[in-house]
PDB file of N, CA and C in Angstrom:
ATOM      1  N   UNK A   1       9.199 -27.516  17.221  1.00  0.00           N
ATOM      2  CA  UNK A   1       8.328 -26.385  16.992  1.00  0.00           C
ATOM      3  C   UNK A   1       7.676 -26.364  15.666  1.00  0.00           C
ATOM      4  N   UNK A   2       6.589 -26.085  15.259  1.00  0.00           N
ATOM      5  CA  UNK A   2       5.943 -26.305  14.019  1.00  0.00           C
ATOM      6  C   UNK A   2       6.082 -24.802  13.533  1.00  0.00           C
ATOM      7  N   UNK A   3       6.277 -24.745  12.097  1.00  0.00           N
ATOM      8  CA  UNK A   3       6.319 -23.699  11.372  1.00  0.00           C
ATOM      9  C   UNK A   3       4.875 -22.981  11.246  1.00  0.00           C
ATOM     10  N   UNK A   4       4.782 -21.796  11.423  1.00  0.00           N
ATOM     11  CA  UNK A   4       3.446 -20.950  11.263  1.00  0.00           C
ATOM     12  C   UNK A   4       3.160 -20.899   9.676  1.00  0.00           C
ATOM     13  N   UNK A   5       1.997 -20.978   9.407  1.00  0.00           N
ATOM     14  CA  UNK A   5       1.484 -21.079   7.920  1.00  0.00           C
ATOM     15  C   UNK A   5       1.074 -19.759   7.588  1.00  0.00           C
ATOM     16  N   UNK A   6       1.337 -19.540   6.287  1.00  0.00           N
ATOM     17  CA  UNK A   6       0.950 -18.094   5.695  1.00  0.00           C
ATOM     18  C   UNK A   6      -0.673 -17.849   5.691  1.00  0.00           C
ATOM     19  N   UNK A   7      -1.070 -16.798   5.700  1.00  0.00           N
ATOM     20  CA  UNK A   7      -2.410 -16.293   5.698  1.00  0.00           C
ATOM     21  C   UNK A   7      -2.730 -15.872   4.254  1.00  0.00           C
ATOM     22  N   UNK A   8      -4.203 -16.330   3.984  1.00  0.00           N
ATOM     23  CA  UNK A   8      -4.744 -16.108   2.619  1.00  0.00           C
ATOM     24  C   UNK A   8      -5.956 -15.268   2.932  1.00  0.00           C
ATOM     25  N   UNK A   9      -6.176 -14.151   2.030  1.00  0.00           N
ATOM     26  CA  UNK A   9      -7.424 -13.644   1.906  1.00  0.00           C
ATOM     27  C   UNK A   9      -8.279 -13.977   0.666  1.00  0.00           C
ATOM     28  N   UNK A  10      -9.252 -14.746   0.853  1.00  0.00           N
ATOM     29  CA  UNK A  10      -9.889 -15.380  -0.491  1.00  0.00           C
ATOM     30  C   UNK A  10     -11.336 -15.098  -0.420  1.00  0.00           C
ATOM     31  N   UNK A  11     -12.125 -15.103  -1.644  1.00  0.00           N
ATOM     32  CA  UNK A  11     -13.550 -15.101  -1.866  1.00  0.00           C
ATOM     33  C   UNK A  11     -14.082 -16.228  -1.294  1.00  0.00           C
ATOM     34  N   UNK A  12     -15.324 -15.873  -0.383  1.00  0.00           N
ATOM     35  CA  UNK A  12     -15.981 -17.131   0.093  1.00  0.00           C
ATOM     36  C   UNK A  12     -17.495 -16.740   0.065  1.00  0.00           C
ATOM     37  N   UNK A  13     -18.418 -17.318  -0.775  1.00  0.00           N
ATOM     38  CA  UNK A  13     -19.813 -17.427  -0.740  1.00  0.00           C
ATOM     39  C   UNK A  13     -20.297 -15.998  -0.724  1.00  0.00           C
ATOM     40  N   UNK A  14     -19.654 -15.135  -1.627  1.00  0.00           N
ATOM     41  CA  UNK A  14     -19.927 -13.784  -1.735  1.00  0.00           C
ATOM     42  C   UNK A  14     -19.288 -12.776  -0.702  1.00  0.00           C
ATOM     43  N   UNK A  15     -18.739 -13.469   0.163  1.00  0.00           N
ATOM     44  CA  UNK A  15     -17.861 -12.607   1.213  1.00  0.00           C
ATOM     45  C   UNK A  15     -16.576 -12.893   1.022  1.00  0.00           C
ATOM     46  N   UNK A  16     -15.638 -12.543   2.089  1.00  0.00           N
ATOM     47  CA  UNK A  16     -14.351 -12.623   2.153  1.00  0.00           C
ATOM     48  C   UNK A  16     -13.743 -13.479   3.365  1.00  0.00           C
ATOM     49  N   UNK A  17     -12.867 -14.270   3.173  1.00  0.00           N
ATOM     50  CA  UNK A  17     -12.397 -15.081   4.139  1.00  0.00           C
ATOM     51  C   UNK A  17     -10.968 -14.923   4.531  1.00  0.00           C
ATOM     52  N   UNK A  18     -10.562 -15.162   5.664  1.00  0.00           N
ATOM     53  CA  UNK A  18      -8.972 -15.162   6.248  1.00  0.00           C
ATOM     54  C   UNK A  18      -8.904 -16.769   6.138  1.00  0.00           C
ATOM     55  N   UNK A  19      -7.976 -17.179   5.595  1.00  0.00           N
ATOM     56  CA  UNK A  19      -7.592 -18.748   5.932  1.00  0.00           C
ATOM     57  C   UNK A  19      -6.144 -18.967   6.130  1.00  0.00           C
ATOM     58  N   UNK A  20      -5.727 -19.812   7.097  1.00  0.00           N
ATOM     59  CA  UNK A  20      -4.436 -20.379   7.160  1.00  0.00           C
ATOM     60  C   UNK A  20      -4.222 -21.335   6.152  1.00  0.00           C
ATOM     61  N   UNK A  21      -2.931 -21.166   5.509  1.00  0.00           N
ATOM     62  CA  UNK A  21      -2.568 -21.863   4.435  1.00  0.00           C
ATOM     63  C   UNK A  21      -2.524 -23.429   4.839  1.00  0.00           C
ATOM     64  N   UNK A  22      -3.298 -24.285   3.894  1.00  0.00           N
ATOM     65  CA  UNK A  22      -3.569 -25.767   4.166  1.00  0.00           C
ATOM     66  C   UNK A  22      -4.662 -26.048   5.011  1.00  0.00           C
ATOM     67  N   UNK A  23      -5.350 -25.108   5.537  1.00  0.00           N
ATOM     68  CA  UNK A  23      -6.495 -25.227   6.403  1.00  0.00           C
ATOM     69  C   UNK A  23      -7.857 -25.430   5.482  1.00  0.00           C
ATOM     70  N   UNK A  24      -8.670 -26.323   5.824  1.00  0.00           N
ATOM     71  CA  UNK A  24      -9.978 -26.179   5.069  1.00  0.00           C
ATOM     72  C   UNK A  24     -11.059 -25.185   5.576  1.00  0.00           C
ATOM     73  N   UNK A  25     -10.915 -24.831   6.865  1.00  0.00           N
ATOM     74  CA  UNK A  25     -11.687 -23.782   7.486  1.00  0.00           C
ATOM     75  C   UNK A  25     -11.204 -22.437   7.555  1.00  0.00           C
ATOM     76  N   UNK A  26     -12.121 -21.524   7.433  1.00  0.00           N
ATOM     77  CA  UNK A  26     -11.777 -20.111   7.556  1.00  0.00           C
ATOM     78  C   UNK A  26     -11.578 -19.652   8.857  1.00  0.00           C
ATOM     79  N   UNK A  27     -10.571 -18.781   9.186  1.00  0.00           N
ATOM     80  CA  UNK A  27     -10.418 -18.254  10.553  1.00  0.00           C
ATOM     81  C   UNK A  27     -11.632 -17.240  10.652  1.00  0.00           C
ATOM     82  N   UNK A  28     -11.798 -16.523   9.682  1.00  0.00           N
ATOM     83  CA  UNK A  28     -12.847 -15.344  10.034  1.00  0.00           C
ATOM     84  C   UNK A  28     -13.578 -15.240   8.606  1.00  0.00           C
ATOM     85  N   UNK A  29     -14.814 -14.953   8.507  1.00  0.00           N
ATOM     86  CA  UNK A  29     -15.397 -14.441   7.290  1.00  0.00           C
ATOM     87  C   UNK A  29     -16.112 -13.121   7.428  1.00  0.00           C
ATOM     88  N   UNK A  30     -15.987 -12.268   6.754  1.00  0.00           N
ATOM     89  CA  UNK A  30     -16.232 -10.868   6.721  1.00  0.00           C
ATOM     90  C   UNK A  30     -16.962 -10.410   5.428  1.00  0.00           C
ATOM     91  N   UNK A  31     -17.889  -9.339   5.492  1.00  0.00           N
ATOM     92  CA  UNK A  31     -18.367  -8.872   4.248  1.00  0.00           C
ATOM     93  C   UNK A  31     -17.621  -8.087   3.263  1.00  0.00           C
ATOM     94  N   UNK A  32     -16.320  -7.688   3.471  1.00  0.00           N
ATOM     95  CA  UNK A  32     -15.660  -6.819   2.509  1.00  0.00           C
ATOM     96  C   UNK A  32     -14.315  -7.488   2.484  1.00  0.00           C
ATOM     97  N   UNK A  33     -13.463  -7.215   1.438  1.00  0.00           N
ATOM     98  CA  UNK A  33     -12.178  -7.636   1.080  1.00  0.00           C
ATOM     99  C   UNK A  33     -11.357  -6.740   2.086  1.00  0.00           C
ATOM    100  N   UNK A  34     -11.511  -5.458   2.180  1.00  0.00           N
ATOM    101  CA  UNK A  34     -10.778  -4.798   3.047  1.00  0.00           C
ATOM    102  C   UNK A  34     -10.665  -5.102   4.452  1.00  0.00           C
ATOM    103  N   UNK A  35     -11.946  -5.478   5.164  1.00  0.00           N
ATOM    104  CA  UNK A  35     -12.014  -6.026   6.347  1.00  0.00           C
ATOM    105  C   UNK A  35     -11.241  -7.312   6.456  1.00  0.00           C
ATOM    106  N   UNK A  36     -11.175  -8.143   5.426  1.00  0.00           N
ATOM    107  CA  UNK A  36     -10.534  -9.367   5.478  1.00  0.00           C
ATOM    108  C   UNK A  36      -9.088  -9.106   5.653  1.00  0.00           C
ATOM    109  N   UNK A  37      -8.617  -8.199   4.905  1.00  0.00           N
ATOM    110  CA  UNK A  37      -7.254  -7.709   4.716  1.00  0.00           C
ATOM    111  C   UNK A  37      -6.592  -7.145   6.104  1.00  0.00           C
ATOM    112  N   UNK A  38      -7.489  -6.389   6.574  1.00  0.00           N
ATOM    113  CA  UNK A  38      -7.012  -5.819   8.114  1.00  0.00           C
ATOM    114  C   UNK A  38      -6.832  -6.860   8.925  1.00  0.00           C
ATOM    115  N   UNK A  39      -7.683  -8.015   9.085  1.00  0.00           N
ATOM    116  CA  UNK A  39      -7.665  -8.980  10.152  1.00  0.00           C
ATOM    117  C   UNK A  39      -6.536  -9.705   9.882  1.00  0.00           C
ATOM    118  N   UNK A  40      -6.441 -10.184   8.413  1.00  0.00           N
ATOM    119  CA  UNK A  40      -5.134 -10.995   8.140  1.00  0.00           C
ATOM    120  C   UNK A  40      -3.936 -10.351   8.351  1.00  0.00           C
ATOM    121  N   UNK A  41      -3.740  -9.042   8.086  1.00  0.00           N
ATOM    122  CA  UNK A  41      -2.501  -8.343   8.222  1.00  0.00           C
ATOM    123  C   UNK A  41      -2.130  -8.539   9.968  1.00  0.00           C
ATOM    124  N   UNK A  42      -3.071  -8.347  10.726  1.00  0.00           N
ATOM    125  CA  UNK A  42      -2.756  -8.529  12.154  1.00  0.00           C
ATOM    126  C   UNK A  42      -2.261  -9.839  12.458  1.00  0.00           C
ATOM    127  N   UNK A  43      -2.780 -10.922  11.899  1.00  0.00           N
ATOM    128  CA  UNK A  43      -2.357 -12.245  12.259  1.00  0.00           C
ATOM    129  C   UNK A  43      -1.122 -12.618  11.696  1.00  0.00           C
ATOM    130  N   UNK A  44      -0.899 -12.053  10.224  1.00  0.00           N
ATOM    131  CA  UNK A  44       0.470 -12.212   9.765  1.00  0.00           C
ATOM    132  C   UNK A  44       1.626 -11.785  10.394  1.00  0.00           C
ATOM    133  N   UNK A  45       1.237 -10.458  10.923  1.00  0.00           N
ATOM    134  CA  UNK A  45       2.402  -9.758  11.657  1.00  0.00           C
ATOM    135  C   UNK A  45       2.663 -10.459  12.933  1.00  0.00           C
ATOM    136  N   UNK A  46       1.665 -10.983  13.594  1.00  0.00           N
ATOM    137  CA  UNK A  46       1.825 -11.614  14.965  1.00  0.00           C
ATOM    138  C   UNK A  46       2.602 -12.820  14.803  1.00  0.00           C
ATOM    139  N   UNK A  47       2.192 -13.558  13.775  1.00  0.00           N
ATOM    140  CA  UNK A  47       2.949 -14.913  13.504  1.00  0.00           C
ATOM    141  C   UNK A  47       4.239 -14.662  12.559  1.00  0.00           C
ATOM    142  N   UNK A  48       4.507 -13.605  11.970  1.00  0.00           N
ATOM    143  CA  UNK A  48       5.759 -13.305  11.278  1.00  0.00           C
ATOM    144  C   UNK A  48       5.725 -14.347  10.034  1.00  0.00           C
ATOM    145  N   UNK A  49       4.424 -14.112   9.279  1.00  0.00           N
ATOM    146  CA  UNK A  49       4.257 -14.917   8.040  1.00  0.00           C
ATOM    147  C   UNK A  49       3.991 -14.041   6.904  1.00  0.00           C
ATOM    148  N   UNK A  50       3.733 -14.688   5.698  1.00  0.00           N
ATOM    149  CA  UNK A  50       3.333 -13.911   4.461  1.00  0.00           C
ATOM    150  C   UNK A  50       1.765 -13.821   4.476  1.00  0.00           C
ATOM    151  N   UNK A  51       1.290 -12.603   3.931  1.00  0.00           N
ATOM    152  CA  UNK A  51       0.083 -12.586   3.544  1.00  0.00           C
ATOM    153  C   UNK A  51      -0.106 -12.629   2.035  1.00  0.00           C
ATOM    154  N   UNK A  52      -1.230 -13.342   1.612  1.00  0.00           N
ATOM    155  CA  UNK A  52      -1.547 -13.517   0.139  1.00  0.00           C
ATOM    156  C   UNK A  52      -2.849 -13.075   0.119  1.00  0.00           C
ATOM    157  N   UNK A  53      -3.085 -12.100  -0.676  1.00  0.00           N
ATOM    158  CA  UNK A  53      -4.344 -11.558  -1.066  1.00  0.00           C
ATOM    159  C   UNK A  53      -4.752 -11.993  -2.495  1.00  0.00           C
ATOM    160  N   UNK A  54      -6.030 -12.607  -2.462  1.00  0.00           N
ATOM    161  CA  UNK A  54      -6.550 -13.242  -3.747  1.00  0.00           C
ATOM    162  C   UNK A  54      -7.742 -12.163  -4.274  1.00  0.00           C
ATOM    163  N   UNK A  55      -7.795 -12.157  -5.621  1.00  0.00           N
ATOM    164  CA  UNK A  55      -8.861 -11.504  -6.234  1.00  0.00           C
ATOM    165  C   UNK A  55     -10.135 -12.352  -6.189  1.00  0.00           C
ATOM    166  N   UNK A  56     -11.137 -11.477  -6.736  1.00  0.00           N
ATOM    167  CA  UNK A  56     -12.490 -12.373  -6.930  1.00  0.00           C
ATOM    168  C   UNK A  56     -12.373 -13.793  -7.643  1.00  0.00           C
ATOM    169  N   UNK A  57     -11.347 -13.710  -8.541  1.00  0.00           N
ATOM    170  CA  UNK A  57     -11.191 -14.909  -9.556  1.00  0.00           C
ATOM    171  C   UNK A  57     -10.356 -15.983  -8.843  1.00  0.00           C
ATOM    172  N   UNK A  58      -9.847 -15.508  -7.632  1.00  0.00           N
ATOM    173  CA  UNK A  58      -9.233 -16.685  -6.846  1.00  0.00           C
ATOM    174  C   UNK A  58      -7.708 -16.704  -7.011  1.00  0.00           C
ATOM    175  N   UNK A  59      -7.153 -15.698  -8.150  1.00  0.00           N
ATOM    176  CA  UNK A  59      -5.796 -15.656  -8.406  1.00  0.00           C
ATOM    177  C   UNK A  59      -5.093 -14.602  -7.179  1.00  0.00           C
ATOM    178  N   UNK A  60      -3.867 -14.828  -6.882  1.00  0.00           N
ATOM    179  CA  UNK A  60      -3.228 -14.012  -6.083  1.00  0.00           C
ATOM    180  C   UNK A  60      -2.930 -12.831  -6.687  1.00  0.00           C
ATOM    181  N   UNK A  61      -3.078 -11.726  -6.062  1.00  0.00           N
ATOM    182  CA  UNK A  61      -2.968 -10.316  -6.786  1.00  0.00           C
ATOM    183  C   UNK A  61      -2.088  -9.547  -5.882  1.00  0.00           C
ATOM    184  N   UNK A  62      -1.717  -9.868  -4.753  1.00  0.00           N
ATOM    185  CA  UNK A  62      -0.775  -9.079  -3.932  1.00  0.00           C
ATOM    186  C   UNK A  62      -0.193  -9.869  -2.873  1.00  0.00           C
ATOM    187  N   UNK A  63       1.177  -9.739  -2.533  1.00  0.00           N
ATOM    188  CA  UNK A  63       1.774 -10.365  -1.172  1.00  0.00           C
ATOM    189  C   UNK A  63       2.446  -9.444  -0.365  1.00  0.00           C
ATOM    190  N   UNK A  64       2.341  -9.784   0.762  1.00  0.00           N
ATOM    191  CA  UNK A  64       3.046  -9.021   1.762  1.00  0.00           C
ATOM    192  C   UNK A  64       3.828  -9.906   2.787  1.00  0.00           C
ATOM    193  N   UNK A  65       5.001  -9.700   3.226  1.00  0.00           N
ATOM    194  CA  UNK A  65       5.904 -10.484   3.851  1.00  0.00           C
ATOM    195  C   UNK A  65       5.917  -9.770   5.334  1.00  0.00           C
ATOM    196  N   UNK A  66       5.518 -10.513   6.275  1.00  0.00           N
ATOM    197  CA  UNK A  66       5.906 -10.040   7.622  1.00  0.00           C
ATOM    198  C   UNK A  66       6.733 -10.908   8.426  1.00  0.00           C
ATOM    199  N   UNK A  67       7.392 -11.876   7.738  1.00  0.00           N
ATOM    200  CA  UNK A  67       8.300 -12.779   8.239  1.00  0.00           C
ATOM    201  C   UNK A  67       9.987 -12.617   7.884  1.00  0.00           C
ATOM    202  N   UNK A  68      10.605 -13.460   8.187  1.00  0.00           N
ATOM    203  CA  UNK A  68      11.817 -13.388   7.761  1.00  0.00           C
ATOM    204  C   UNK A  68      12.125 -13.729   6.343  1.00  0.00           C
ATOM    205  N   UNK A  69      12.400 -12.888   5.480  1.00  0.00           N
ATOM    206  CA  UNK A  69      12.191 -13.020   4.068  1.00  0.00           C
ATOM    207  C   UNK A  69      13.718 -13.735   3.563  1.00  0.00           C
ATOM    208  N   UNK A  70      13.535 -15.041   2.980  1.00  0.00           N
ATOM    209  CA  UNK A  70      14.698 -15.728   2.710  1.00  0.00           C
ATOM    210  C   UNK A  70      15.668 -14.806   1.501  1.00  0.00           C
ATOM    211  N   UNK A  71      14.843 -14.033   0.717  1.00  0.00           N
ATOM    212  CA  UNK A  71      15.498 -13.417  -0.449  1.00  0.00           C
ATOM    213  C   UNK A  71      15.082 -11.770  -0.367  1.00  0.00           C
ATOM    214  N   UNK A  72      15.744 -11.142   0.791  1.00  0.00           N
ATOM    215  CA  UNK A  72      15.354  -9.669   0.914  1.00  0.00           C
ATOM    216  C   UNK A  72      15.972  -8.773  -0.025  1.00  0.00           C
ATOM    217  N   UNK A  73      15.336  -7.797  -0.282  1.00  0.00           N
ATOM    218  CA  UNK A  73      16.053  -6.931  -1.500  1.00  0.00           C
ATOM    219  C   UNK A  73      17.258  -6.241  -0.959  1.00  0.00           C
ATOM    220  N   UNK A  74      18.162  -6.067  -1.888  1.00  0.00           N
ATOM    221  CA  UNK A  74      19.539  -5.472  -1.587  1.00  0.00           C
ATOM    222  C   UNK A  74      19.196  -3.934  -1.707  1.00  0.00           C
ATOM    223  N   UNK A  75      20.234  -3.342  -0.858  1.00  0.00           N
ATOM    224  CA  UNK A  75      20.069  -2.027  -0.636  1.00  0.00           C
ATOM    225  C   UNK A  75      19.288  -1.277   0.309  1.00  0.00           C
TER     226      UNK A  75
END
């Protein structure tokens, strides 16, 4: 069984794309980052993977984990 890949929300030609980690093609392209995050969250939850949200500069600004976290918080 192949391991699912994390989902990324990234800037894409003035719009926002949801991309699977390691893929050159976008799963979907939408006008707003909010819309891309909503779509990516659904995919990440369904696949039990991590969601990485990038800013306009391409740097990761937020992460959300929907999978089995190898380092879960204590308590």
